[in-house]
Amino acid sequence: MAAADAIEAVVLRTLRYGEADLIAHLHARGEGKRGVIAKGARKPTSRLGARLEPFLVVQLQLIATRSDLATVRNVEIIDAHEHLRSSWQAQQVGAAALDLVARLAADGEPNDPMHHLLRSFLTHLDGAAADPLTVETRGGALLAAFELKLLHAIGLTPQLGSCVRCGDTVGIVAYSAADGGVVCSTCRTPEDRYLAAATHAAAVELLRTALAEIAGRDVAGLPDAPTRRAILVDIVAETCTAHAGITARRPV
């Protein structure tokens, strides 16, 4: 029997294949995004299918094949994120993050900062999902922070400290996805998105603040307006469209 390689990965999404097989798209430590195939995973007697679901962090034993898809020999769950997977609200937030990683990550290109960021996000979202009363507010703040940090992990960090066109640090009133940064009142054009001072401040704070700190704050200490957080998520989506050519999924 062929030797098996072991990897740790986050399950991003799965697809049915054939009569009983399952294809899983993963983001693996040290390897980046890759696909694997689990033969017979959809059979009632298989233990593989239940261990290859989105949001799970798993350790897999893989057998190389002639195709791009290695075959899964065995899967062990490292972190099930049970609170997250039991909360509809948390799943919607988490699904947006998984989808963005799946679209932005290049096949077969290791990006451990992205991998560790994703695992940290899922851990803290799982913690937030344990409290149904605060999961929407805390989850929204975590998603906005995660997506801003994800842009940094792929080299698309938005310029937030000064006008992207002239370098001025005062009078910031808009954001340009095409130019990848904030814009002052002098340089603003009709195509730029209006950016309120409070929203600009929230973007700077969320980009600079660790996810663990955001997750540990009282809800009152988070960026308080859902509309403000939604604007930040839209800014990320517009930046991804302008510079990566992808359309980001929005939470329901």
C-alpha atoms as a PDB file:
ATOM      1  CA  MET A   1       0.000   0.000   0.000  1.00  0.00           C
ATOM      2  CA  ALA A   2       1.254   3.493  -0.845  1.00  0.00           C
ATOM      3  CA  ALA A   3       2.624   5.611   1.979  1.00  0.00           C
ATOM      4  CA  ALA A   4       0.275   8.261   3.368  1.00  0.00           C
ATOM      5  CA  ASP A   5       1.162  11.897   4.024  1.00  0.00           C
ATOM      6  CA  ALA A   6      -0.384  13.657   7.038  1.00  0.00           C
ATOM      7  CA  ILE A   7      -1.601  17.254   6.867  1.00  0.00           C
ATOM      8  CA  GLU A   8      -3.617  19.629   9.055  1.00  0.00           C
ATOM      9  CA  ALA A   9      -6.304  21.612   7.295  1.00  0.00           C
ATOM     10  CA  VAL A  10      -9.493  23.628   7.560  1.00  0.00           C
ATOM     11  CA  VAL A  11     -12.363  22.256   5.484  1.00  0.00           C
ATOM     12  CA  LEU A  12     -13.581  25.106   3.274  1.00  0.00           C
ATOM     13  CA  ARG A  13     -16.316  23.342   1.312  1.00  0.00           C
ATOM     14  CA  THR A  14     -17.339  19.948  -0.035  1.00  0.00           C
ATOM     15  CA  LEU A  15     -18.849  18.679  -3.282  1.00  0.00           C
ATOM     16  CA  ARG A  16     -20.618  15.443  -4.060  1.00  0.00           C
ATOM     17  CA  TYR A  17     -18.826  13.400  -6.700  1.00  0.00           C
ATOM     18  CA  GLY A  18     -20.091  10.302  -8.441  1.00  0.00           C
ATOM     19  CA  GLU A  19     -22.402   7.936  -6.620  1.00  0.00           C
ATOM     20  CA  ALA A  20     -20.766   7.949  -3.201  1.00  0.00           C
ATOM     21  CA  ASP A  21     -17.566  10.021  -3.231  1.00  0.00           C
ATOM     22  CA  LEU A  22     -16.879  13.447  -1.749  1.00  0.00           C
ATOM     23  CA  ILE A  23     -14.450  16.129  -2.890  1.00  0.00           C
ATOM     24  CA  ALA A  24     -13.257  18.465  -0.140  1.00  0.00           C
ATOM     25  CA  HIS A  25     -11.545  21.800  -0.656  1.00  0.00           C
ATOM     26  CA  LEU A  26      -9.106  22.516   2.158  1.00  0.00           C
ATOM     27  CA  HIS A  27      -6.722  25.171   3.361  1.00  0.00           C
ATOM     28  CA  ALA A  28      -3.764  23.251   4.745  1.00  0.00           C
ATOM     29  CA  ARG A  29      -0.910  24.374   6.942  1.00  0.00           C
ATOM     30  CA  GLY A  30       2.264  24.502   4.905  1.00  0.00           C
ATOM     31  CA  GLU A  31       0.453  23.772   1.642  1.00  0.00           C
ATOM     32  CA  GLY A  32      -2.283  26.352   1.114  1.00  0.00           C
ATOM     33  CA  LYS A  33      -5.474  25.535  -0.768  1.00  0.00           C
ATOM     34  CA  ARG A  34      -5.857  22.052  -2.195  1.00  0.00           C
ATOM     35  CA  GLY A  35      -8.501  19.479  -3.039  1.00  0.00           C
ATOM     36  CA  VAL A  36      -8.825  15.872  -1.899  1.00  0.00           C
ATOM     37  CA  ILE A  37     -11.241  13.070  -2.696  1.00  0.00           C
ATOM     38  CA  ALA A  38     -12.778  10.759  -0.108  1.00  0.00           C
ATOM     39  CA  LYS A  39     -13.836   7.533  -1.794  1.00  0.00           C
ATOM     40  CA  GLY A  40     -17.179   6.201  -0.560  1.00  0.00           C
ATOM     41  CA  ALA A  41     -17.516   9.009   2.005  1.00  0.00           C
ATOM     42  CA  ARG A  42     -21.253   9.355   1.355  1.00  0.00           C
ATOM     43  CA  LYS A  43     -22.006   5.724   2.087  1.00  0.00           C
ATOM     44  CA  PRO A  44     -23.930   5.205   5.354  1.00  0.00           C
ATOM     45  CA  THR A  45     -21.142   2.991   6.695  1.00  0.00           C
ATOM     46  CA  SER A  46     -18.335   5.504   6.020  1.00  0.00           C
ATOM     47  CA  ARG A  47     -16.857   7.565   8.834  1.00  0.00           C
ATOM     48  CA  LEU A  48     -15.142   9.992   6.461  1.00  0.00           C
ATOM     49  CA  GLY A  49     -18.128  12.103   5.419  1.00  0.00           C
ATOM     50  CA  ALA A  50     -18.981  13.375   8.897  1.00  0.00           C
ATOM     51  CA  ARG A  51     -15.338  14.361   9.401  1.00  0.00           C
ATOM     52  CA  LEU A  52     -15.111  16.377   6.192  1.00  0.00           C
ATOM     53  CA  GLU A  53     -17.555  19.202   6.806  1.00  0.00           C
ATOM     54  CA  PRO A  54     -17.044  22.971   6.507  1.00  0.00           C
ATOM     55  CA  PHE A  55     -15.617  24.668   9.630  1.00  0.00           C
ATOM     56  CA  LEU A  56     -13.851  21.531  10.868  1.00  0.00           C
ATOM     57  CA  VAL A  57     -10.112  21.576  11.518  1.00  0.00           C
ATOM     58  CA  VAL A  58      -8.844  18.104  10.704  1.00  0.00           C
ATOM     59  CA  GLN A  59      -5.769  15.952  10.346  1.00  0.00           C
ATOM     60  CA  LEU A  60      -5.830  13.858   7.191  1.00  0.00           C
ATOM     61  CA  GLN A  61      -3.792  10.957   5.919  1.00  0.00           C
ATOM     62  CA  LEU A  62      -3.545  11.255   2.144  1.00  0.00           C
ATOM     63  CA  ILE A  63      -2.380   8.947  -0.612  1.00  0.00           C
ATOM     64  CA  ALA A  64      -0.970  10.646  -3.701  1.00  0.00           C
ATOM     65  CA  THR A  65      -2.548   9.820  -7.060  1.00  0.00           C
ATOM     66  CA  ARG A  66      -1.853  10.739 -10.652  1.00  0.00           C
ATOM     67  CA  SER A  67      -4.554  13.401 -10.521  1.00  0.00           C
ATOM     68  CA  ASP A  68      -4.492  16.690  -8.627  1.00  0.00           C
ATOM     69  CA  LEU A  69      -6.734  15.153  -5.962  1.00  0.00           C
ATOM     70  CA  ALA A  70      -5.042  13.019  -3.329  1.00  0.00           C
ATOM     71  CA  THR A  71      -7.161  10.238  -1.852  1.00  0.00           C
ATOM     72  CA  VAL A  72      -8.178  10.452   1.805  1.00  0.00           C
ATOM     73  CA  ARG A  73      -7.200   7.378   3.798  1.00  0.00           C
ATOM     74  CA  ASN A  74      -8.194   8.652   7.238  1.00  0.00           C
ATOM     75  CA  VAL A  75      -9.484  11.807   8.943  1.00  0.00           C
ATOM     76  CA  GLU A  76      -9.293  12.844  12.586  1.00  0.00           C
ATOM     77  CA  ILE A  77     -11.044  15.940  13.913  1.00  0.00           C
ATOM     78  CA  ILE A  78      -8.778  18.420  15.683  1.00  0.00           C
ATOM     79  CA  ASP A  79     -11.414  21.075  16.375  1.00  0.00           C
ATOM     80  CA  ALA A  80     -15.124  20.555  15.681  1.00  0.00           C
ATOM     81  CA  HIS A  81     -16.277  24.130  16.453  1.00  0.00           C
ATOM     82  CA  GLU A  82     -19.543  22.731  17.768  1.00  0.00           C
ATOM     83  CA  HIS A  83     -21.020  26.058  18.924  1.00  0.00           C
ATOM     84  CA  LEU A  84     -20.366  27.601  15.521  1.00  0.00           C
ATOM     85  CA  ARG A  85     -21.939  24.700  13.637  1.00  0.00           C
ATOM     86  CA  SER A  86     -24.983  24.781  15.940  1.00  0.00           C
ATOM     87  CA  SER A  87     -25.696  28.493  15.409  1.00  0.00           C
ATOM     88  CA  TRP A  88     -27.358  29.633  12.177  1.00  0.00           C
ATOM     89  CA  GLN A  89     -26.082  33.192  12.661  1.00  0.00           C
ATOM     90  CA  ALA A  90     -22.520  32.053  13.288  1.00  0.00           C
ATOM     91  CA  GLN A  91     -22.652  29.725  10.287  1.00  0.00           C
ATOM     92  CA  GLN A  92     -23.623  32.608   8.000  1.00  0.00           C
ATOM     93  CA  VAL A  93     -20.713  34.697   9.278  1.00  0.00           C
ATOM     94  CA  GLY A  94     -18.299  31.781   9.089  1.00  0.00           C
ATOM     95  CA  ALA A  95     -19.425  30.761   5.608  1.00  0.00           C
ATOM     96  CA  ALA A  96     -18.589  34.236   4.295  1.00  0.00           C
ATOM     97  CA  ALA A  97     -15.057  33.878   5.684  1.00  0.00           C
ATOM     98  CA  LEU A  98     -14.540  30.371   4.274  1.00  0.00           C
ATOM     99  CA  ASP A  99     -15.813  31.471   0.880  1.00  0.00           C
ATOM    100  CA  LEU A 100     -13.473  34.462   0.782  1.00  0.00           C
ATOM    101  CA  VAL A 101     -10.465  32.292   1.642  1.00  0.00           C
ATOM    102  CA  ALA A 102     -11.488  29.762  -1.013  1.00  0.00           C
ATOM    103  CA  ARG A 103     -11.662  32.525  -3.629  1.00  0.00           C
ATOM    104  CA  LEU A 104      -8.517  34.420  -2.643  1.00  0.00           C
ATOM    105  CA  ALA A 105      -6.137  31.551  -1.855  1.00  0.00           C
ATOM    106  CA  ALA A 106      -4.064  30.288  -4.764  1.00  0.00           C
ATOM    107  CA  ASP A 107      -4.022  26.541  -5.367  1.00  0.00           C
ATOM    108  CA  GLY A 108      -0.917  24.886  -3.988  1.00  0.00           C
ATOM    109  CA  GLU A 109       0.680  28.092  -2.698  1.00  0.00           C
ATOM    110  CA  PRO A 110       1.485  27.925   1.035  1.00  0.00           C
ATOM    111  CA  ASN A 111       0.268  30.892   3.051  1.00  0.00           C
ATOM    112  CA  ASP A 112       0.603  30.072   6.728  1.00  0.00           C
ATOM    113  CA  PRO A 113      -0.347  33.588   7.912  1.00  0.00           C
ATOM    114  CA  MET A 114      -3.673  33.115   6.091  1.00  0.00           C
ATOM    115  CA  HIS A 115      -4.057  29.619   7.550  1.00  0.00           C
ATOM    116  CA  HIS A 116      -3.386  30.705  11.131  1.00  0.00           C
ATOM    117  CA  LEU A 117      -5.656  33.745  10.717  1.00  0.00           C
ATOM    118  CA  LEU A 118      -8.498  31.516   9.520  1.00  0.00           C
ATOM    119  CA  ARG A 119      -8.082  29.075  12.384  1.00  0.00           C
ATOM    120  CA  SER A 120      -7.968  31.912  14.906  1.00  0.00           C
ATOM    121  CA  PHE A 121     -11.122  33.425  13.413  1.00  0.00           C
ATOM    122  CA  LEU A 122     -13.011  30.121  13.594  1.00  0.00           C
ATOM    123  CA  THR A 123     -11.907  29.573  17.195  1.00  0.00           C
ATOM    124  CA  HIS A 124     -13.131  32.987  18.304  1.00  0.00           C
ATOM    125  CA  LEU A 125     -16.339  32.789  16.263  1.00  0.00           C
ATOM    126  CA  ASP A 126     -17.031  29.440  17.917  1.00  0.00           C
ATOM    127  CA  GLY A 127     -16.602  31.119  21.290  1.00  0.00           C
ATOM    128  CA  ALA A 128     -18.930  33.948  20.280  1.00  0.00           C
ATOM    129  CA  ALA A 129     -21.549  31.448  19.101  1.00  0.00           C
ATOM    130  CA  ALA A 130     -21.810  30.070  22.631  1.00  0.00           C
ATOM    131  CA  ASP A 131     -23.792  33.210  23.571  1.00  0.00           C
ATOM    132  CA  PRO A 132     -26.848  33.594  21.297  1.00  0.00           C
ATOM    133  CA  LEU A 133     -27.478  37.110  22.633  1.00  0.00           C
ATOM    134  CA  THR A 134     -24.163  38.535  21.434  1.00  0.00           C
ATOM    135  CA  VAL A 135     -23.170  36.306  18.503  1.00  0.00           C
ATOM    136  CA  GLU A 136     -24.524  38.732  15.881  1.00  0.00           C
ATOM    137  CA  THR A 137     -22.632  41.760  17.215  1.00  0.00           C
ATOM    138  CA  ARG A 138     -19.439  39.925  18.136  1.00  0.00           C
ATOM    139  CA  GLY A 139     -19.523  37.780  14.995  1.00  0.00           C
ATOM    140  CA  GLY A 140     -19.980  40.839  12.788  1.00  0.00           C
ATOM    141  CA  ALA A 141     -16.996  42.579  14.364  1.00  0.00           C
ATOM    142  CA  LEU A 142     -14.869  39.441  14.049  1.00  0.00           C
ATOM    143  CA  LEU A 143     -15.776  39.057  10.367  1.00  0.00           C
ATOM    144  CA  ALA A 144     -14.967  42.680   9.545  1.00  0.00           C
ATOM    145  CA  ALA A 145     -11.620  42.375  11.352  1.00  0.00           C
ATOM    146  CA  PHE A 146     -10.848  39.008   9.758  1.00  0.00           C
ATOM    147  CA  GLU A 147     -11.511  40.248   6.241  1.00  0.00           C
ATOM    148  CA  LEU A 148      -9.366  43.356   6.699  1.00  0.00           C
ATOM    149  CA  LYS A 149      -6.545  41.186   8.072  1.00  0.00           C
ATOM    150  CA  LEU A 150      -7.022  38.703   5.228  1.00  0.00           C
ATOM    151  CA  LEU A 151      -6.333  41.477   2.721  1.00  0.00           C
ATOM    152  CA  HIS A 152      -3.074  42.085   4.592  1.00  0.00           C
ATOM    153  CA  ALA A 153      -2.202  38.368   4.408  1.00  0.00           C
ATOM    154  CA  ILE A 154      -2.406  38.409   0.598  1.00  0.00           C
ATOM    155  CA  GLY A 155      -0.638  41.745   0.134  1.00  0.00           C
ATOM    156  CA  LEU A 156      -3.710  43.924  -0.431  1.00  0.00           C
ATOM    157  CA  THR A 157      -3.643  45.863   2.841  1.00  0.00           C
ATOM    158  CA  PRO A 158      -5.836  48.947   2.395  1.00  0.00           C
ATOM    159  CA  GLN A 159      -4.067  52.238   3.046  1.00  0.00           C
ATOM    160  CA  LEU A 160      -5.998  53.731   5.953  1.00  0.00           C
ATOM    161  CA  GLY A 161      -3.545  56.162   7.545  1.00  0.00           C
ATOM    162  CA  SER A 162      -3.398  58.768   4.798  1.00  0.00           C
ATOM    163  CA  CYS A 163      -4.948  59.693   1.479  1.00  0.00           C
ATOM    164  CA  VAL A 164      -3.915  57.123  -1.108  1.00  0.00           C
ATOM    165  CA  ARG A 165      -3.599  59.860  -3.739  1.00  0.00           C
ATOM    166  CA  CYS A 166      -1.852  62.756  -2.032  1.00  0.00           C
ATOM    167  CA  GLY A 167      -0.691  61.398   1.326  1.00  0.00           C
ATOM    168  CA  ASP A 168      -2.653  63.894   3.427  1.00  0.00           C
ATOM    169  CA  THR A 169      -3.697  62.588   6.840  1.00  0.00           C
ATOM    170  CA  VAL A 170      -6.556  65.015   7.484  1.00  0.00           C
ATOM    171  CA  GLY A 171      -9.935  65.414   5.862  1.00  0.00           C
ATOM    172  CA  ILE A 172     -10.412  61.721   5.063  1.00  0.00           C
ATOM    173  CA  VAL A 173     -13.923  61.382   3.643  1.00  0.00           C
ATOM    174  CA  ALA A 174     -13.981  58.432   1.229  1.00  0.00           C
ATOM    175  CA  TYR A 175     -12.529  55.091   0.181  1.00  0.00           C
ATOM    176  CA  SER A 176     -11.319  54.079  -3.268  1.00  0.00           C
ATOM    177  CA  ALA A 177     -11.369  50.341  -3.948  1.00  0.00           C
ATOM    178  CA  ALA A 178      -9.548  50.881  -7.234  1.00  0.00           C
ATOM    179  CA  ASP A 179      -6.669  52.701  -5.518  1.00  0.00           C
ATOM    180  CA  GLY A 180      -6.839  50.555  -2.380  1.00  0.00           C
ATOM    181  CA  GLY A 181      -7.102  53.215   0.294  1.00  0.00           C
ATOM    182  CA  VAL A 182      -8.812  56.182   1.878  1.00  0.00           C
ATOM    183  CA  VAL A 183      -9.215  59.486   0.074  1.00  0.00           C
ATOM    184  CA  CYS A 184      -9.255  63.064   1.361  1.00  0.00           C
ATOM    185  CA  SER A 185     -11.870  65.682   0.510  1.00  0.00           C
ATOM    186  CA  THR A 186      -9.556  67.371  -1.995  1.00  0.00           C
ATOM    187  CA  CYS A 187      -8.850  64.191  -3.963  1.00  0.00           C
ATOM    188  CA  ARG A 188     -12.299  62.628  -3.747  1.00  0.00           C
ATOM    189  CA  THR A 189     -14.090  61.776  -7.005  1.00  0.00           C
ATOM    190  CA  PRO A 190     -17.738  60.763  -7.549  1.00  0.00           C
ATOM    191  CA  GLU A 191     -16.663  57.119  -7.950  1.00  0.00           C
ATOM    192  CA  ASP A 192     -15.255  56.928  -4.413  1.00  0.00           C
ATOM    193  CA  ARG A 193     -17.338  55.504  -1.542  1.00  0.00           C
ATOM    194  CA  TYR A 194     -18.230  57.990   1.207  1.00  0.00           C
ATOM    195  CA  LEU A 195     -16.554  57.012   4.472  1.00  0.00           C
ATOM    196  CA  ALA A 196     -17.751  58.540   7.721  1.00  0.00           C
ATOM    197  CA  ALA A 197     -15.104  59.414  10.299  1.00  0.00           C
ATOM    198  CA  ALA A 198     -16.445  56.810  12.739  1.00  0.00           C
ATOM    199  CA  THR A 199     -16.327  54.087  10.083  1.00  0.00           C
ATOM    200  CA  HIS A 200     -12.771  55.052   9.140  1.00  0.00           C
ATOM    201  CA  ALA A 201     -11.764  54.878  12.807  1.00  0.00           C
ATOM    202  CA  ALA A 202     -13.429  51.462  13.153  1.00  0.00           C
ATOM    203  CA  ALA A 203     -11.506  50.150  10.132  1.00  0.00           C
ATOM    204  CA  VAL A 204      -8.187  51.299  11.587  1.00  0.00           C
ATOM    205  CA  GLU A 205      -9.039  49.772  14.966  1.00  0.00           C
ATOM    206  CA  LEU A 206     -10.172  46.408  13.596  1.00  0.00           C
ATOM    207  CA  LEU A 207      -7.145  46.072  11.320  1.00  0.00           C
ATOM    208  CA  ARG A 208      -4.741  46.766  14.189  1.00  0.00           C
ATOM    209  CA  THR A 209      -6.489  44.792  16.945  1.00  0.00           C
ATOM    210  CA  ALA A 210      -5.906  41.067  17.447  1.00  0.00           C
ATOM    211  CA  LEU A 211      -8.915  38.803  16.979  1.00  0.00           C
ATOM    212  CA  ALA A 212      -8.455  37.480  20.513  1.00  0.00           C
ATOM    213  CA  GLU A 213      -8.830  40.986  21.916  1.00  0.00           C
ATOM    214  CA  ILE A 214     -11.925  41.660  19.824  1.00  0.00           C
ATOM    215  CA  ALA A 215     -13.459  38.369  20.960  1.00  0.00           C
ATOM    216  CA  GLY A 216     -12.700  39.153  24.601  1.00  0.00           C
ATOM    217  CA  ARG A 217     -14.269  42.586  24.718  1.00  0.00           C
ATOM    218  CA  ASP A 218     -17.669  43.393  26.116  1.00  0.00           C
ATOM    219  CA  VAL A 219     -20.144  43.981  23.321  1.00  0.00           C
ATOM    220  CA  ALA A 220     -20.237  47.644  24.332  1.00  0.00           C
ATOM    221  CA  GLY A 221     -16.550  47.911  23.441  1.00  0.00           C
ATOM    222  CA  LEU A 222     -17.007  46.744  19.848  1.00  0.00           C
ATOM    223  CA  PRO A 223     -17.724  48.965  16.828  1.00  0.00           C
ATOM    224  CA  ASP A 224     -21.334  49.601  17.703  1.00  0.00           C
ATOM    225  CA  ALA A 225     -23.261  50.092  14.488  1.00  0.00           C
ATOM    226  CA  PRO A 226     -24.181  47.080  12.317  1.00  0.00           C
ATOM    227  CA  THR A 227     -24.359  49.453   9.355  1.00  0.00           C
ATOM    228  CA  ARG A 228     -20.782  50.564  10.033  1.00  0.00           C
ATOM    229  CA  ARG A 229     -19.535  46.980  10.120  1.00  0.00           C
ATOM    230  CA  ALA A 230     -21.475  46.199   6.945  1.00  0.00           C
ATOM    231  CA  ILE A 231     -19.747  49.094   5.183  1.00  0.00           C
ATOM    232  CA  LEU A 232     -16.348  47.692   6.176  1.00  0.00           C
ATOM    233  CA  VAL A 233     -17.297  44.274   4.814  1.00  0.00           C
ATOM    234  CA  ASP A 234     -18.448  45.963   1.593  1.00  0.00           C
ATOM    235  CA  ILE A 235     -15.129  47.814   1.365  1.00  0.00           C
ATOM    236  CA  VAL A 236     -13.305  44.490   1.534  1.00  0.00           C
ATOM    237  CA  ALA A 237     -15.598  43.043  -1.128  1.00  0.00           C
ATOM    238  CA  GLU A 238     -15.019  46.001  -3.455  1.00  0.00           C
ATOM    239  CA  THR A 239     -11.252  45.791  -2.939  1.00  0.00           C
ATOM    240  CA  CYS A 240     -11.285  42.068  -3.736  1.00  0.00           C
ATOM    241  CA  THR A 241     -13.264  42.721  -6.911  1.00  0.00           C
ATOM    242  CA  ALA A 242     -10.948  45.531  -8.007  1.00  0.00           C
ATOM    243  CA  HIS A 243      -7.642  43.783  -7.313  1.00  0.00           C
ATOM    244  CA  ALA A 244      -8.341  40.039  -7.260  1.00  0.00           C
ATOM    245  CA  GLY A 245     -11.254  39.815  -9.676  1.00  0.00           C
ATOM    246  CA  ILE A 246     -13.496  37.915  -7.269  1.00  0.00           C
ATOM    247  CA  THR A 247     -16.930  38.577  -5.788  1.00  0.00           C
ATOM    248  CA  ALA A 248     -17.052  38.072  -2.031  1.00  0.00           C
ATOM    249  CA  ARG A 249     -20.034  36.366  -0.424  1.00  0.00           C
ATOM    250  CA  ARG A 250     -21.982  38.473   2.044  1.00  0.00           C
ATOM    251  CA  PRO A 251     -23.570  37.083   5.237  1.00  0.00           C
ATOM    252  CA  VAL A 252     -27.349  36.717   5.079  1.00  0.00           C
END
